[in-house]
Amino acid sequence: MPLFPIMLIFFVTTLAETNRHPFDLPEAEAELVSGYNVEYSGIGFALFFLAEYSNIILRSGLSALFFLGGYQIPFTFIFISDSIVFALKIIIFVTLFVIVRGTLPRYRYDQLRRLG
């Protein structure tokens, strides 16, 4: 519990670093028929999205490691593999990414500057 405010700050900066909602201003420009989504097609487009989602999984793993205890099980009487516990904690953070993308609107440039 003492690390909860730091976890929130880390999660918000992770959203900004991975260009997810509400900080996805490069994608906002792509909606105006410009940007990297229009420039690339085929394997280039697939590699952009593979890099984006692998970055999300990496950041979720770091969040689970730093703030949820990594592979440690909260209850000692449960016998589950450590890798399964760690994967479930990563899935928790990836689900948070999906929930934030679905619920928060995108910032405008002036709102993002005011936030900073």
N, C-alpha and C. Protein backbone atom coordinates (compact mmCIF):
# COMPACT_ATOMS: atom_id res chain seq x y z
N MET A 1 0.79 -1.21 0.00
CA MET A 1 0.00 0.00 0.00
C MET A 1 0.83 1.28 0.00
N PRO A 2 2.04 1.30 0.62
CA PRO A 2 2.78 2.57 0.56
C PRO A 2 3.26 2.93 -0.84
N LEU A 3 3.35 1.93 -1.73
CA LEU A 3 3.82 2.21 -3.09
C LEU A 3 2.69 2.50 -4.07
N PHE A 4 1.45 2.56 -3.60
CA PHE A 4 0.32 2.76 -4.51
C PHE A 4 0.39 4.09 -5.27
N PRO A 5 0.72 5.23 -4.63
CA PRO A 5 0.83 6.47 -5.42
C PRO A 5 1.95 6.40 -6.47
N ILE A 6 3.04 5.75 -6.12
CA ILE A 6 4.14 5.60 -7.07
C ILE A 6 3.71 4.69 -8.22
N MET A 7 2.92 3.67 -7.91
CA MET A 7 2.42 2.78 -8.96
C MET A 7 1.52 3.54 -9.92
N LEU A 8 0.68 4.44 -9.41
CA LEU A 8 -0.17 5.25 -10.29
C LEU A 8 0.65 6.16 -11.19
N ILE A 9 1.66 6.79 -10.63
CA ILE A 9 2.53 7.66 -11.43
C ILE A 9 3.26 6.84 -12.48
N PHE A 10 3.76 5.66 -12.10
CA PHE A 10 4.45 4.79 -13.05
C PHE A 10 3.52 4.33 -14.15
N PHE A 11 2.28 4.03 -13.81
CA PHE A 11 1.31 3.58 -14.81
C PHE A 11 0.96 4.69 -15.79
N VAL A 12 0.79 5.90 -15.29
CA VAL A 12 0.48 7.04 -16.17
C VAL A 12 1.65 7.33 -17.10
N THR A 13 2.88 7.29 -16.57
CA THR A 13 4.04 7.53 -17.43
C THR A 13 4.24 6.38 -18.41
N THR A 14 3.84 5.17 -18.04
CA THR A 14 3.90 4.05 -18.98
C THR A 14 2.90 4.24 -20.11
N LEU A 15 1.71 4.74 -19.78
CA LEU A 15 0.74 5.05 -20.83
C LEU A 15 1.29 6.10 -21.79
N ALA A 16 1.94 7.10 -21.24
CA ALA A 16 2.51 8.16 -22.09
C ALA A 16 3.66 7.63 -22.93
N GLU A 17 4.47 6.76 -22.36
CA GLU A 17 5.64 6.24 -23.09
C GLU A 17 5.24 5.29 -24.21
N THR A 18 4.18 4.55 -24.02
CA THR A 18 3.76 3.60 -25.05
C THR A 18 2.76 4.21 -26.03
N ASN A 19 2.50 5.51 -25.93
CA ASN A 19 1.58 6.22 -26.82
C ASN A 19 0.19 5.59 -26.84
N ARG A 20 -0.33 5.30 -25.66
CA ARG A 20 -1.68 4.78 -25.54
C ARG A 20 -2.62 5.90 -25.11
N HIS A 21 -3.93 5.62 -25.15
CA HIS A 21 -4.91 6.62 -24.69
C HIS A 21 -4.60 6.99 -23.26
N PRO A 22 -4.68 8.17 -22.88
CA PRO A 22 -5.09 9.40 -23.55
C PRO A 22 -3.91 10.17 -24.16
N PHE A 23 -2.75 9.56 -24.28
CA PHE A 23 -1.55 10.26 -24.74
C PHE A 23 -1.16 9.91 -26.16
N ASP A 24 -2.02 9.36 -26.97
CA ASP A 24 -1.65 8.89 -28.30
C ASP A 24 -1.81 9.98 -29.35
N LEU A 25 -1.07 11.04 -29.19
CA LEU A 25 -1.17 12.16 -30.13
C LEU A 25 -0.62 11.83 -31.52
N PRO A 26 0.39 10.97 -31.69
CA PRO A 26 0.78 10.61 -33.06
C PRO A 26 -0.34 9.89 -33.83
N GLU A 27 -1.14 9.06 -33.14
CA GLU A 27 -2.26 8.41 -33.82
C GLU A 27 -3.36 9.40 -34.14
N ALA A 28 -3.49 10.44 -33.34
CA ALA A 28 -4.52 11.44 -33.61
C ALA A 28 -4.22 12.15 -34.93
N GLU A 29 -2.96 12.35 -35.23
CA GLU A 29 -2.62 12.95 -36.51
C GLU A 29 -2.85 11.98 -37.65
N ALA A 30 -2.74 10.67 -37.37
CA ALA A 30 -2.96 9.68 -38.42
C ALA A 30 -4.43 9.61 -38.82
N GLU A 31 -5.31 10.04 -37.93
CA GLU A 31 -6.71 10.04 -38.28
C GLU A 31 -7.03 11.13 -39.31
N LEU A 32 -6.15 12.06 -39.49
CA LEU A 32 -6.34 13.11 -40.48
C LEU A 32 -5.72 12.72 -41.82
N VAL A 33 -5.58 11.45 -42.08
CA VAL A 33 -5.01 10.87 -43.29
C VAL A 33 -3.58 11.35 -43.48
N SER A 34 -2.80 11.19 -42.45
CA SER A 34 -1.36 11.38 -42.53
C SER A 34 -0.75 10.61 -41.37
N GLY A 35 0.53 10.49 -41.35
CA GLY A 35 1.19 9.79 -40.25
C GLY A 35 1.64 8.40 -40.65
N TYR A 36 2.14 7.68 -39.67
CA TYR A 36 2.78 6.40 -39.98
C TYR A 36 1.77 5.30 -40.32
N ASN A 37 0.52 5.42 -39.89
CA ASN A 37 -0.46 4.38 -40.23
C ASN A 37 -0.78 4.36 -41.72
N VAL A 38 -0.68 5.50 -42.37
CA VAL A 38 -0.94 5.56 -43.80
C VAL A 38 0.32 5.26 -44.59
N GLU A 39 1.47 5.65 -44.06
CA GLU A 39 2.73 5.49 -44.77
C GLU A 39 3.14 4.03 -44.92
N TYR A 40 2.85 3.23 -43.91
CA TYR A 40 3.30 1.84 -43.92
C TYR A 40 2.13 0.90 -44.15
N SER A 41 2.40 -0.18 -44.85
CA SER A 41 1.39 -1.22 -45.05
C SER A 41 2.10 -2.57 -45.01
N GLY A 42 1.36 -3.59 -44.86
CA GLY A 42 1.93 -4.93 -44.87
C GLY A 42 2.78 -5.20 -43.65
N ILE A 43 4.01 -5.65 -43.89
CA ILE A 43 4.88 -6.08 -42.80
C ILE A 43 5.39 -4.89 -41.98
N GLY A 44 5.54 -3.73 -42.60
CA GLY A 44 5.95 -2.55 -41.83
C GLY A 44 4.93 -2.15 -40.80
N PHE A 45 3.66 -2.19 -41.20
CA PHE A 45 2.57 -1.89 -40.28
C PHE A 45 2.50 -2.94 -39.17
N ALA A 46 2.69 -4.20 -39.53
CA ALA A 46 2.66 -5.28 -38.54
C ALA A 46 3.81 -5.14 -37.55
N LEU A 47 4.98 -4.73 -38.00
CA LEU A 47 6.11 -4.56 -37.10
C LEU A 47 5.91 -3.39 -36.14
N PHE A 48 5.28 -2.31 -36.61
CA PHE A 48 4.95 -1.20 -35.70
C PHE A 48 4.04 -1.68 -34.57
N PHE A 49 2.99 -2.40 -34.94
CA PHE A 49 2.06 -2.85 -33.91
C PHE A 49 2.67 -3.93 -33.03
N LEU A 50 3.51 -4.79 -33.57
CA LEU A 50 4.19 -5.79 -32.75
C LEU A 50 5.10 -5.12 -31.74
N ALA A 51 5.81 -4.08 -32.16
CA ALA A 51 6.68 -3.35 -31.23
C ALA A 51 5.87 -2.64 -30.17
N GLU A 52 4.72 -2.07 -30.55
CA GLU A 52 3.89 -1.35 -29.58
C GLU A 52 3.34 -2.30 -28.51
N TYR A 53 2.82 -3.43 -28.93
CA TYR A 53 2.23 -4.34 -27.96
C TYR A 53 3.27 -5.11 -27.17
N SER A 54 4.43 -5.37 -27.74
CA SER A 54 5.49 -6.00 -26.95
C SER A 54 6.02 -5.02 -25.90
N ASN A 55 6.02 -3.74 -26.20
CA ASN A 55 6.39 -2.72 -25.21
C ASN A 55 5.37 -2.68 -24.08
N ILE A 56 4.09 -2.85 -24.40
CA ILE A 56 3.05 -2.88 -23.37
C ILE A 56 3.25 -4.09 -22.46
N ILE A 57 3.56 -5.25 -23.04
CA ILE A 57 3.77 -6.45 -22.23
C ILE A 57 5.02 -6.30 -21.38
N LEU A 58 6.07 -5.70 -21.93
CA LEU A 58 7.30 -5.47 -21.16
C LEU A 58 7.04 -4.54 -19.99
N ARG A 59 6.34 -3.44 -20.22
CA ARG A 59 6.03 -2.49 -19.14
C ARG A 59 5.09 -3.11 -18.11
N SER A 60 4.18 -3.96 -18.53
CA SER A 60 3.31 -4.65 -17.59
C SER A 60 4.11 -5.62 -16.73
N GLY A 61 5.08 -6.28 -17.33
CA GLY A 61 5.95 -7.16 -16.56
C GLY A 61 6.76 -6.41 -15.54
N LEU A 62 7.27 -5.25 -15.92
CA LEU A 62 8.03 -4.44 -14.96
C LEU A 62 7.12 -3.93 -13.84
N SER A 63 5.90 -3.55 -14.17
CA SER A 63 4.96 -3.09 -13.14
C SER A 63 4.62 -4.22 -12.18
N ALA A 64 4.41 -5.42 -12.71
CA ALA A 64 4.11 -6.56 -11.84
C ALA A 64 5.31 -6.90 -10.96
N LEU A 65 6.49 -6.75 -11.51
CA LEU A 65 7.71 -7.04 -10.75
C LEU A 65 7.96 -6.01 -9.66
N PHE A 66 7.76 -4.74 -9.99
CA PHE A 66 8.05 -3.67 -9.03
C PHE A 66 6.98 -3.53 -7.95
N PHE A 67 5.70 -3.66 -8.33
CA PHE A 67 4.63 -3.27 -7.42
C PHE A 67 3.75 -4.41 -6.91
N LEU A 68 3.72 -5.55 -7.60
CA LEU A 68 2.87 -6.65 -7.15
C LEU A 68 3.65 -7.84 -6.62
N GLY A 69 4.93 -7.70 -6.44
CA GLY A 69 5.71 -8.77 -5.84
C GLY A 69 6.26 -9.79 -6.80
N GLY A 70 6.21 -9.52 -8.09
CA GLY A 70 6.80 -10.43 -9.07
C GLY A 70 6.10 -11.77 -9.11
N TYR A 71 6.84 -12.83 -8.85
CA TYR A 71 6.30 -14.18 -8.94
C TYR A 71 5.79 -14.70 -7.60
N GLN A 72 5.86 -13.90 -6.56
CA GLN A 72 5.45 -14.37 -5.23
C GLN A 72 3.93 -14.47 -5.14
N ILE A 73 3.48 -15.51 -4.46
CA ILE A 73 2.06 -15.77 -4.28
C ILE A 73 1.60 -15.08 -3.00
N PRO A 74 0.49 -14.35 -3.04
CA PRO A 74 0.05 -13.65 -1.83
C PRO A 74 -0.33 -14.60 -0.68
N PHE A 75 -0.84 -15.79 -1.01
CA PHE A 75 -1.23 -16.75 0.02
C PHE A 75 -0.31 -17.96 -0.06
N THR A 76 0.22 -18.40 1.05
CA THR A 76 1.23 -19.46 1.04
C THR A 76 0.64 -20.85 0.89
N PHE A 77 -0.66 -21.03 1.11
CA PHE A 77 -1.24 -22.36 1.03
C PHE A 77 -1.68 -22.74 -0.38
N ILE A 78 -1.54 -21.83 -1.33
CA ILE A 78 -1.91 -22.12 -2.72
C ILE A 78 -0.65 -22.59 -3.45
N PHE A 79 -0.76 -23.72 -4.13
CA PHE A 79 0.38 -24.29 -4.85
C PHE A 79 0.19 -24.11 -6.35
N ILE A 80 0.65 -22.98 -6.85
CA ILE A 80 0.60 -22.66 -8.27
C ILE A 80 2.03 -22.35 -8.72
N SER A 81 2.32 -22.66 -9.95
CA SER A 81 3.65 -22.39 -10.49
C SER A 81 3.95 -20.89 -10.45
N ASP A 82 5.21 -20.56 -10.20
CA ASP A 82 5.61 -19.16 -10.12
C ASP A 82 5.41 -18.43 -11.45
N SER A 83 5.67 -19.11 -12.55
CA SER A 83 5.51 -18.46 -13.86
C SER A 83 4.04 -18.16 -14.16
N ILE A 84 3.15 -19.02 -13.69
CA ILE A 84 1.71 -18.77 -13.90
C ILE A 84 1.27 -17.57 -13.08
N VAL A 85 1.76 -17.45 -11.86
CA VAL A 85 1.42 -16.30 -11.02
C VAL A 85 1.92 -15.02 -11.65
N PHE A 86 3.16 -15.03 -12.15
CA PHE A 86 3.72 -13.84 -12.79
C PHE A 86 2.94 -13.48 -14.06
N ALA A 87 2.55 -14.49 -14.84
CA ALA A 87 1.77 -14.24 -16.06
C ALA A 87 0.41 -13.65 -15.72
N LEU A 88 -0.22 -14.12 -14.65
CA LEU A 88 -1.52 -13.56 -14.25
C LEU A 88 -1.38 -12.11 -13.82
N LYS A 89 -0.29 -11.77 -13.15
CA LYS A 89 -0.08 -10.37 -12.75
C LYS A 89 0.18 -9.49 -13.97
N ILE A 90 0.88 -10.02 -14.96
CA ILE A 90 1.08 -9.27 -16.21
C ILE A 90 -0.25 -9.06 -16.91
N ILE A 91 -1.10 -10.07 -16.92
CA ILE A 91 -2.42 -9.96 -17.55
C ILE A 91 -3.26 -8.90 -16.85
N ILE A 92 -3.10 -8.75 -15.54
CA ILE A 92 -3.82 -7.71 -14.81
C ILE A 92 -3.46 -6.33 -15.36
N PHE A 93 -2.16 -6.07 -15.56
CA PHE A 93 -1.75 -4.76 -16.06
C PHE A 93 -2.12 -4.56 -17.53
N VAL A 94 -2.03 -5.61 -18.34
CA VAL A 94 -2.45 -5.48 -19.74
C VAL A 94 -3.94 -5.17 -19.81
N THR A 95 -4.73 -5.78 -18.93
CA THR A 95 -6.15 -5.49 -18.87
C THR A 95 -6.40 -4.05 -18.47
N LEU A 96 -5.57 -3.51 -17.57
CA LEU A 96 -5.69 -2.09 -17.22
C LEU A 96 -5.42 -1.19 -18.43
N PHE A 97 -4.45 -1.58 -19.26
CA PHE A 97 -4.20 -0.83 -20.49
C PHE A 97 -5.44 -0.80 -21.37
N VAL A 98 -6.10 -1.94 -21.52
CA VAL A 98 -7.29 -2.03 -22.37
C VAL A 98 -8.43 -1.22 -21.78
N ILE A 99 -8.61 -1.29 -20.47
CA ILE A 99 -9.69 -0.55 -19.82
C ILE A 99 -9.47 0.96 -19.96
N VAL A 100 -8.24 1.41 -19.77
CA VAL A 100 -7.95 2.84 -19.90
C VAL A 100 -8.17 3.31 -21.33
N ARG A 101 -7.79 2.50 -22.31
CA ARG A 101 -8.00 2.88 -23.70
C ARG A 101 -9.48 3.00 -24.02
N GLY A 102 -10.30 2.15 -23.43
CA GLY A 102 -11.72 2.17 -23.72
C GLY A 102 -12.51 3.24 -22.97
N THR A 103 -11.97 3.76 -21.88
CA THR A 103 -12.76 4.68 -21.06
C THR A 103 -12.32 6.13 -21.13
N LEU A 104 -11.05 6.41 -21.29
CA LEU A 104 -10.58 7.79 -21.25
C LEU A 104 -10.55 8.41 -22.64
N PRO A 105 -10.94 9.66 -22.77
CA PRO A 105 -10.83 10.34 -24.06
C PRO A 105 -9.39 10.79 -24.31
N ARG A 106 -9.13 11.14 -25.54
CA ARG A 106 -7.78 11.58 -25.92
C ARG A 106 -7.59 13.04 -25.54
N TYR A 107 -6.39 13.37 -25.03
CA TYR A 107 -6.06 14.75 -24.72
C TYR A 107 -5.79 15.54 -25.99
N ARG A 108 -6.11 16.83 -25.95
CA ARG A 108 -5.64 17.74 -26.99
C ARG A 108 -4.24 18.19 -26.62
N TYR A 109 -3.55 18.85 -27.54
CA TYR A 109 -2.18 19.28 -27.27
C TYR A 109 -2.10 20.29 -26.12
N ASP A 110 -3.06 21.20 -26.05
CA ASP A 110 -3.03 22.19 -24.97
C ASP A 110 -3.31 21.54 -23.62
N GLN A 111 -4.19 20.54 -23.58
CA GLN A 111 -4.46 19.84 -22.32
C GLN A 111 -3.24 19.05 -21.86
N LEU A 112 -2.52 18.46 -22.80
CA LEU A 112 -1.32 17.70 -22.45
C LEU A 112 -0.24 18.62 -21.92
N ARG A 113 -0.09 19.79 -22.50
CA ARG A 113 0.89 20.74 -21.98
C ARG A 113 0.51 21.22 -20.60
N ARG A 114 -0.76 21.44 -20.33
CA ARG A 114 -1.22 21.85 -19.02
C ARG A 114 -0.98 20.73 -17.99
N LEU A 115 -1.16 19.49 -18.40
CA LEU A 115 -0.91 18.35 -17.51
C LEU A 115 0.57 18.25 -17.15
N GLY A 116 1.41 18.51 -18.13
CA GLY A 116 2.86 18.43 -17.87
C GLY A 116 3.35 19.53 -16.98
